[in-house]
Amino acid sequence: MKSYTITVNGNVYQVTVEEGTAAAAPAPSVQAAPAPVPAAPAAPAAPAAAPAAASADGIPVKASVPGKIVRLEKSVGDSVNAGDTVLVLEAMKMEIPVVAPESGKLASFQVSVGDSVESGDVLATLS
């Protein structure tokens, strides 16, 4: 008799097979293994409006995903509240709002409409 552990679509099964002659081969016995252990959860994505660390240059507004700038929603000098949309970028044919991490005044944009950006790039600065 031989025992095998088989995984099918993430479910683990213990299978025992008896060896015998071809004329009297019994059907294999299948036992369900204990419930599969779920895979470790993926690391949570950083919140879109996570507070940014203020620097001497101001509060950075960063891209959460790579994409292309499609629209500037605010102008330099505008006051913004935490969570206000500063600009919109397109990623995978979806428009994604980029929001102010804190309240402040829009000091500058580091990008223009049509620019391609990477995740983590500073797009604007608040003072």
N, C-alpha and C. Protein backbone atom coordinates (compact mmCIF):
# COMPACT_ATOMS: atom_id res chain seq x y z
N MET A 1 0.85 -1.16 0.00
CA MET A 1 0.00 0.00 0.00
C MET A 1 0.90 1.24 0.00
N LYS A 2 0.56 2.21 -0.84
CA LYS A 2 1.33 3.43 -0.91
C LYS A 2 0.41 4.62 -0.66
N SER A 3 0.96 5.62 0.03
CA SER A 3 0.19 6.84 0.31
C SER A 3 0.82 8.00 -0.45
N TYR A 4 -0.04 8.83 -1.00
CA TYR A 4 0.40 10.01 -1.74
C TYR A 4 -0.35 11.23 -1.22
N THR A 5 0.32 12.36 -1.28
CA THR A 5 -0.33 13.64 -0.99
C THR A 5 -0.47 14.37 -2.31
N ILE A 6 -1.71 14.74 -2.65
CA ILE A 6 -1.99 15.39 -3.92
C ILE A 6 -2.66 16.73 -3.65
N THR A 7 -2.23 17.76 -4.36
CA THR A 7 -2.85 19.08 -4.25
C THR A 7 -3.55 19.40 -5.55
N VAL A 8 -4.84 19.74 -5.47
CA VAL A 8 -5.63 20.09 -6.63
C VAL A 8 -6.32 21.42 -6.34
N ASN A 9 -6.01 22.44 -7.13
CA ASN A 9 -6.60 23.76 -6.96
C ASN A 9 -6.48 24.26 -5.52
N GLY A 10 -5.36 24.01 -4.90
CA GLY A 10 -5.13 24.50 -3.55
C GLY A 10 -5.67 23.59 -2.45
N ASN A 11 -6.40 22.54 -2.80
CA ASN A 11 -6.92 21.58 -1.81
C ASN A 11 -5.98 20.39 -1.73
N VAL A 12 -5.62 20.00 -0.50
CA VAL A 12 -4.68 18.91 -0.29
C VAL A 12 -5.46 17.64 0.03
N TYR A 13 -5.12 16.55 -0.65
CA TYR A 13 -5.76 15.25 -0.43
C TYR A 13 -4.72 14.20 -0.13
N GLN A 14 -5.03 13.32 0.82
CA GLN A 14 -4.21 12.14 1.10
C GLN A 14 -4.85 10.99 0.34
N VAL A 15 -4.08 10.32 -0.52
CA VAL A 15 -4.60 9.21 -1.31
C VAL A 15 -3.79 7.97 -0.99
N THR A 16 -4.49 6.90 -0.66
CA THR A 16 -3.84 5.62 -0.39
C THR A 16 -4.21 4.65 -1.50
N VAL A 17 -3.18 4.01 -2.09
CA VAL A 17 -3.40 3.09 -3.20
C VAL A 17 -2.85 1.74 -2.81
N GLU A 18 -3.71 0.71 -2.92
CA GLU A 18 -3.26 -0.66 -2.64
C GLU A 18 -2.70 -1.25 -3.91
N GLU A 19 -1.59 -1.95 -3.75
CA GLU A 19 -1.01 -2.63 -4.88
C GLU A 19 -1.47 -4.08 -4.85
N GLY A 20 -1.80 -4.61 -5.99
CA GLY A 20 -2.25 -6.00 -6.04
C GLY A 20 -2.14 -6.51 -7.45
N THR A 21 -2.79 -7.62 -7.71
CA THR A 21 -2.77 -8.17 -9.06
C THR A 21 -3.79 -7.43 -9.90
N ALA A 22 -3.62 -7.51 -11.18
CA ALA A 22 -4.51 -6.80 -12.09
C ALA A 22 -5.92 -7.35 -12.04
N ALA A 23 -6.09 -8.65 -11.74
CA ALA A 23 -7.42 -9.27 -11.73
C ALA A 23 -8.23 -8.81 -10.54
N ALA A 24 -7.62 -8.53 -9.41
CA ALA A 24 -8.37 -8.20 -8.20
C ALA A 24 -7.92 -6.86 -7.63
N ALA A 25 -7.75 -5.90 -8.48
CA ALA A 25 -7.27 -4.60 -8.01
C ALA A 25 -8.43 -3.83 -7.38
N PRO A 26 -8.35 -3.56 -6.07
CA PRO A 26 -9.43 -2.81 -5.42
C PRO A 26 -9.35 -1.32 -5.81
N ALA A 27 -10.47 -0.66 -5.66
CA ALA A 27 -10.52 0.77 -5.97
C ALA A 27 -9.69 1.53 -4.94
N PRO A 28 -9.02 2.60 -5.37
CA PRO A 28 -8.22 3.38 -4.42
C PRO A 28 -9.12 4.08 -3.40
N SER A 29 -8.60 4.23 -2.18
CA SER A 29 -9.36 4.91 -1.14
C SER A 29 -8.87 6.35 -1.07
N VAL A 30 -9.80 7.29 -1.02
CA VAL A 30 -9.45 8.71 -0.98
C VAL A 30 -9.98 9.30 0.32
N GLN A 31 -9.11 9.97 1.05
CA GLN A 31 -9.51 10.65 2.28
C GLN A 31 -9.23 12.14 2.10
N ALA A 32 -10.16 12.94 2.52
CA ALA A 32 -9.92 14.39 2.45
C ALA A 32 -8.95 14.77 3.56
N ALA A 33 -7.98 15.54 3.22
CA ALA A 33 -7.01 16.02 4.21
C ALA A 33 -7.65 17.15 5.01
N PRO A 34 -7.02 17.54 6.09
CA PRO A 34 -7.55 18.69 6.82
C PRO A 34 -7.68 19.89 5.89
N ALA A 35 -8.52 20.82 6.28
CA ALA A 35 -8.77 22.00 5.46
C ALA A 35 -7.44 22.63 5.05
N PRO A 36 -7.35 23.06 3.80
CA PRO A 36 -6.11 23.67 3.35
C PRO A 36 -5.80 24.94 4.13
N VAL A 37 -4.53 25.15 4.32
CA VAL A 37 -4.09 26.35 5.02
C VAL A 37 -4.11 27.49 4.02
N PRO A 38 -4.84 28.58 4.31
CA PRO A 38 -4.88 29.68 3.34
C PRO A 38 -3.51 30.31 3.19
N ALA A 39 -3.26 30.78 2.00
CA ALA A 39 -1.99 31.45 1.72
C ALA A 39 -1.93 32.74 2.54
N ALA A 40 -0.72 33.16 2.81
CA ALA A 40 -0.55 34.40 3.57
C ALA A 40 -1.19 35.54 2.79
N PRO A 41 -1.94 36.42 3.47
CA PRO A 41 -2.59 37.51 2.75
C PRO A 41 -1.56 38.46 2.15
N ALA A 42 -1.92 39.01 1.02
CA ALA A 42 -1.03 39.97 0.37
C ALA A 42 -0.91 41.21 1.23
N ALA A 43 0.22 41.86 1.13
CA ALA A 43 0.42 43.09 1.90
C ALA A 43 -0.61 44.11 1.44
N PRO A 44 -1.26 44.80 2.37
CA PRO A 44 -2.28 45.78 1.97
C PRO A 44 -1.65 46.93 1.19
N ALA A 45 -2.40 47.43 0.24
CA ALA A 45 -1.93 48.56 -0.55
C ALA A 45 -1.90 49.80 0.33
N ALA A 46 -0.98 50.67 0.04
CA ALA A 46 -0.88 51.90 0.81
C ALA A 46 -2.14 52.73 0.56
N PRO A 47 -2.73 53.29 1.59
CA PRO A 47 -3.93 54.10 1.39
C PRO A 47 -3.62 55.31 0.50
N ALA A 48 -4.59 55.67 -0.33
CA ALA A 48 -4.37 56.76 -1.27
C ALA A 48 -4.16 58.09 -0.56
N ALA A 49 -4.76 58.26 0.61
CA ALA A 49 -4.65 59.55 1.29
C ALA A 49 -3.80 59.45 2.55
N ALA A 50 -2.78 58.61 2.50
CA ALA A 50 -1.91 58.46 3.67
C ALA A 50 -1.16 59.76 3.91
N PRO A 51 -1.04 60.19 5.17
CA PRO A 51 -0.31 61.43 5.43
C PRO A 51 1.12 61.32 4.95
N ALA A 52 1.58 62.34 4.30
CA ALA A 52 2.95 62.36 3.79
C ALA A 52 3.83 63.11 4.77
N ALA A 53 5.07 62.74 4.81
CA ALA A 53 6.01 63.41 5.70
C ALA A 53 6.34 64.78 5.10
N ALA A 54 6.19 65.80 5.91
CA ALA A 54 6.50 67.15 5.45
C ALA A 54 8.01 67.30 5.40
N SER A 55 8.49 67.99 4.40
CA SER A 55 9.92 68.25 4.30
C SER A 55 10.12 69.76 4.20
N ALA A 56 11.36 70.17 4.10
CA ALA A 56 11.65 71.59 3.97
C ALA A 56 11.03 72.14 2.68
N ASP A 57 10.83 71.26 1.69
CA ASP A 57 10.26 71.68 0.40
C ASP A 57 8.74 71.66 0.43
N GLY A 58 8.11 71.19 1.48
CA GLY A 58 6.66 71.12 1.57
C GLY A 58 6.19 69.68 1.68
N ILE A 59 4.89 69.50 1.49
CA ILE A 59 4.26 68.19 1.60
C ILE A 59 4.12 67.61 0.19
N PRO A 60 4.77 66.46 -0.09
CA PRO A 60 4.68 65.90 -1.44
C PRO A 60 3.34 65.21 -1.69
N VAL A 61 2.84 65.33 -2.90
CA VAL A 61 1.67 64.59 -3.37
C VAL A 61 2.23 63.59 -4.36
N LYS A 62 2.14 62.29 -4.01
CA LYS A 62 2.81 61.26 -4.81
C LYS A 62 1.84 60.39 -5.59
N ALA A 63 2.34 59.81 -6.67
CA ALA A 63 1.56 58.87 -7.48
C ALA A 63 1.49 57.54 -6.75
N SER A 64 0.28 56.97 -6.68
CA SER A 64 0.12 55.66 -6.04
C SER A 64 0.35 54.52 -7.02
N VAL A 65 0.22 54.83 -8.33
CA VAL A 65 0.42 53.82 -9.38
C VAL A 65 1.10 54.48 -10.57
N PRO A 66 1.75 53.71 -11.43
CA PRO A 66 2.31 54.30 -12.64
C PRO A 66 1.17 54.65 -13.60
N GLY A 67 1.35 55.70 -14.37
CA GLY A 67 0.31 56.09 -15.32
C GLY A 67 0.69 57.35 -16.08
N LYS A 68 -0.34 57.99 -16.62
CA LYS A 68 -0.17 59.19 -17.45
C LYS A 68 -1.09 60.27 -16.89
N ILE A 69 -0.57 61.48 -16.74
CA ILE A 69 -1.36 62.59 -16.22
C ILE A 69 -2.37 63.02 -17.29
N VAL A 70 -3.67 63.03 -16.92
CA VAL A 70 -4.70 63.40 -17.89
C VAL A 70 -5.38 64.73 -17.56
N ARG A 71 -5.31 65.16 -16.27
CA ARG A 71 -6.02 66.39 -15.92
C ARG A 71 -5.48 66.95 -14.61
N LEU A 72 -5.28 68.28 -14.56
CA LEU A 72 -4.94 68.96 -13.33
C LEU A 72 -6.23 69.56 -12.80
N GLU A 73 -6.65 69.16 -11.60
CA GLU A 73 -7.92 69.60 -11.03
C GLU A 73 -7.79 70.92 -10.26
N LYS A 74 -6.62 71.24 -9.79
CA LYS A 74 -6.38 72.45 -9.01
C LYS A 74 -5.30 73.27 -9.71
N SER A 75 -5.15 74.52 -9.25
CA SER A 75 -4.12 75.42 -9.77
C SER A 75 -3.16 75.79 -8.65
N VAL A 76 -1.95 76.15 -9.03
CA VAL A 76 -0.96 76.60 -8.04
C VAL A 76 -1.56 77.78 -7.28
N GLY A 77 -1.47 77.74 -5.96
CA GLY A 77 -2.02 78.79 -5.11
C GLY A 77 -3.37 78.43 -4.51
N ASP A 78 -4.04 77.40 -5.04
CA ASP A 78 -5.34 76.97 -4.49
C ASP A 78 -5.16 76.35 -3.12
N SER A 79 -6.12 76.58 -2.24
CA SER A 79 -6.15 75.89 -0.95
C SER A 79 -6.83 74.54 -1.16
N VAL A 80 -6.29 73.51 -0.54
CA VAL A 80 -6.86 72.16 -0.64
C VAL A 80 -7.01 71.57 0.76
N ASN A 81 -8.03 70.74 0.90
CA ASN A 81 -8.24 70.00 2.14
C ASN A 81 -7.74 68.57 1.94
N ALA A 82 -7.42 67.90 3.02
CA ALA A 82 -7.00 66.51 2.93
C ALA A 82 -8.09 65.72 2.21
N GLY A 83 -7.69 64.97 1.18
CA GLY A 83 -8.64 64.15 0.42
C GLY A 83 -9.17 64.82 -0.84
N ASP A 84 -8.90 66.12 -1.03
CA ASP A 84 -9.32 66.80 -2.26
C ASP A 84 -8.51 66.28 -3.44
N THR A 85 -9.16 66.12 -4.59
CA THR A 85 -8.46 65.69 -5.80
C THR A 85 -7.60 66.83 -6.32
N VAL A 86 -6.31 66.55 -6.50
CA VAL A 86 -5.36 67.54 -7.00
C VAL A 86 -5.20 67.37 -8.51
N LEU A 87 -5.09 66.12 -8.96
CA LEU A 87 -4.96 65.83 -10.38
C LEU A 87 -5.47 64.42 -10.64
N VAL A 88 -5.59 64.08 -11.91
CA VAL A 88 -6.10 62.76 -12.28
C VAL A 88 -5.07 62.11 -13.20
N LEU A 89 -4.78 60.83 -12.92
CA LEU A 89 -3.89 60.10 -13.82
C LEU A 89 -4.62 58.88 -14.36
N GLU A 90 -4.18 58.43 -15.51
CA GLU A 90 -4.79 57.27 -16.16
C GLU A 90 -3.84 56.10 -16.05
N ALA A 91 -4.38 54.99 -15.56
CA ALA A 91 -3.62 53.74 -15.46
C ALA A 91 -4.52 52.61 -15.90
N MET A 92 -4.08 51.82 -16.83
CA MET A 92 -4.84 50.67 -17.34
C MET A 92 -6.24 51.09 -17.78
N LYS A 93 -6.33 52.20 -18.50
CA LYS A 93 -7.57 52.73 -19.06
C LYS A 93 -8.58 53.16 -17.99
N MET A 94 -8.09 53.42 -16.77
CA MET A 94 -8.95 53.91 -15.70
C MET A 94 -8.41 55.26 -15.23
N GLU A 95 -9.31 56.19 -14.93
CA GLU A 95 -8.90 57.47 -14.38
C GLU A 95 -8.84 57.35 -12.86
N ILE A 96 -7.69 57.69 -12.29
CA ILE A 96 -7.47 57.55 -10.85
C ILE A 96 -7.18 58.93 -10.26
N PRO A 97 -8.04 59.38 -9.33
CA PRO A 97 -7.78 60.68 -8.70
C PRO A 97 -6.58 60.59 -7.76
N VAL A 98 -5.74 61.61 -7.80
CA VAL A 98 -4.62 61.73 -6.86
C VAL A 98 -5.03 62.83 -5.88
N VAL A 99 -5.09 62.48 -4.59
CA VAL A 99 -5.64 63.39 -3.60
C VAL A 99 -4.56 63.99 -2.71
N ALA A 100 -4.91 65.13 -2.11
CA ALA A 100 -4.00 65.79 -1.19
C ALA A 100 -3.92 64.97 0.10
N PRO A 101 -2.70 64.65 0.56
CA PRO A 101 -2.56 63.85 1.78
C PRO A 101 -2.88 64.65 3.05
N GLU A 102 -2.76 65.97 2.95
CA GLU A 102 -3.03 66.87 4.08
C GLU A 102 -3.62 68.16 3.53
N SER A 103 -4.19 68.95 4.42
CA SER A 103 -4.68 70.27 4.01
C SER A 103 -3.50 71.21 3.84
N GLY A 104 -3.64 72.15 2.93
CA GLY A 104 -2.58 73.11 2.69
C GLY A 104 -2.86 73.93 1.45
N LYS A 105 -1.83 74.57 0.95
CA LYS A 105 -1.92 75.39 -0.25
C LYS A 105 -1.06 74.74 -1.32
N LEU A 106 -1.59 74.64 -2.53
CA LEU A 106 -0.86 74.00 -3.62
C LEU A 106 0.29 74.91 -4.03
N ALA A 107 1.52 74.49 -3.73
CA ALA A 107 2.71 75.30 -3.99
C ALA A 107 3.23 75.13 -5.41
N SER A 108 3.21 73.88 -5.94
CA SER A 108 3.74 73.67 -7.29
C SER A 108 3.32 72.30 -7.82
N PHE A 109 3.36 72.19 -9.16
CA PHE A 109 3.20 70.91 -9.84
C PHE A 109 4.56 70.53 -10.38
N GLN A 110 4.93 69.26 -10.28
CA GLN A 110 6.17 68.76 -10.87
C GLN A 110 5.90 68.03 -12.19
N VAL A 111 4.62 67.98 -12.61
CA VAL A 111 4.24 67.28 -13.84
C VAL A 111 3.29 68.16 -14.65
N SER A 112 3.11 67.77 -15.91
CA SER A 112 2.16 68.44 -16.81
C SER A 112 1.25 67.38 -17.41
N VAL A 113 0.13 67.81 -17.98
CA VAL A 113 -0.77 66.89 -18.66
C VAL A 113 0.00 66.19 -19.76
N GLY A 114 -0.16 64.85 -19.83
CA GLY A 114 0.53 64.05 -20.83
C GLY A 114 1.79 63.38 -20.33
N ASP A 115 2.31 63.82 -19.18
CA ASP A 115 3.53 63.20 -18.63
C ASP A 115 3.25 61.78 -18.13
N SER A 116 4.21 60.90 -18.32
CA SER A 116 4.14 59.56 -17.75
C SER A 116 4.86 59.58 -16.41
N VAL A 117 4.28 58.90 -15.41
CA VAL A 117 4.86 58.88 -14.07
C VAL A 117 4.93 57.45 -13.56
N GLU A 118 5.80 57.25 -12.59
CA GLU A 118 5.95 55.95 -11.94
C GLU A 118 5.36 56.04 -10.53
N SER A 119 5.06 54.91 -9.97
CA SER A 119 4.56 54.85 -8.59
C SER A 119 5.56 55.48 -7.65
N GLY A 120 5.10 56.37 -6.79
CA GLY A 120 5.99 57.03 -5.83
C GLY A 120 6.57 58.35 -6.30
N ASP A 121 6.40 58.68 -7.59
CA ASP A 121 6.89 59.97 -8.09
C ASP A 121 6.15 61.11 -7.40
N VAL A 122 6.84 62.19 -7.13
CA VAL A 122 6.21 63.38 -6.57
C VAL A 122 5.58 64.14 -7.72
N LEU A 123 4.26 64.37 -7.62
CA LEU A 123 3.52 65.02 -8.70
C LEU A 123 3.27 66.50 -8.42
N ALA A 124 3.12 66.83 -7.13
CA ALA A 124 2.86 68.21 -6.73
C ALA A 124 3.37 68.38 -5.30
N THR A 125 3.42 69.64 -4.87
CA THR A 125 3.87 69.95 -3.52
C THR A 125 2.89 70.91 -2.86
N LEU A 126 2.56 70.61 -1.60
CA LEU A 126 1.71 71.49 -0.81
C LEU A 126 2.57 72.23 0.19
N SER A 127 2.14 73.45 0.56
CA SER A 127 2.86 74.19 1.61
C SER A 127 1.94 74.37 2.80
